[in-house]
Amino acid sequence: MYPLFADITINKNTLARIIEFLHNLKLFANVLRKNKKFDLSMEKSKQKRRYPEIDFLRGFALIMMLISNFVTDLQYFAGYSEFEQFWRIFALFTASMFISISGVSIWISHFRWKGYEKYFKRFIKLFGLGLVITAFTKIFLDEGTIYFGILHFLGIASVLVIPFLRFEEKNLILVPLFLAGKTIVERVHSNNLLLLPIGITPIPFFTFDFFPIFPWFGIFLLGIGAGALIYPEGVRRFEISFPRMLNFITFLGRHTLKVYLVHQPIFGAILLLYFGELPGLRFL
């Protein structure tokens, strides 16, 4: 019926070779499939791992912030007045470094976060802790209540940044707009404290910590833009050999929030023990 195949015969050896070939082909396909999964898992592990250079820079900025805040305490409680211009610049640089690093961290994290739940959880956590600091300073200080400090700002920035993430490194173009916006809003004044987040203050106004959206969200976007250039898709494309001698600073960088929350009560206790009493500080 089928003359083309009439003379073809398959002996046992040929059949065995065909079966062996198909078996080897299946094994090869499984290897390729496993390698693909391995590559994907490696890429995911790269996205999930912490980058020590980020923790180091955050830890270094934290140390600078501790120094700056201790000097501020000395200025307010002990009348220290040396090198005022230097310490003002030091505080400005420290805050800029800290906030820009936070921007880089958000850039890396947003590739690992699914949906918007993490952003709002971060907002609730940081802004909530900021409100605790507001209450603490309102109760224990005669003046200088922190209404919108760095934790309030980082909480707001966590959700405000969502529509800006799509712009990637183009966010660098927006930085000057927020910096320039400061010169506008600082000329406007109102007794409505709800306007403090954008930088509109009452007259007079004194606080120990103030980070309004203008200009500080521009610094946050600076971190987003830098992160997009250095960590495309949230993954570092180069290797860094990090010396172990820096592990302590890196450790601090992994626990920045905890250190930040306890440092001022510790500073206050040290100054209280040394001076006996602190003007402007009251107890219940």
Foldseek 3Di string as FASTA:
>chain_A
DDVVCPPDDDDPVNVVVVVVVVVVVVVVVVVVVVVVVVVVVVVVVLLPDDDLVLLLLLLVLLVLQLVLVLVVQCCQFVVDDPPVVVSVVSNVVSLLSNLLSLLLVLLSCVLVDDDCPVLLVLLCVLLVVVVVQQVVCVPWFPDARCPCFDSNLSSVLSVVCVVVLVVALVLLVCLVVLQVVQVVQCVAEDPPCVCQQQPHYHPPHHHPGGDHVRNSSSSSSNSRNVSCVQQPSSGGPDDDDDDPVSVVSSVCSVVVVVCVSCSVVVSVVVVCVVVVDTPRTDDD
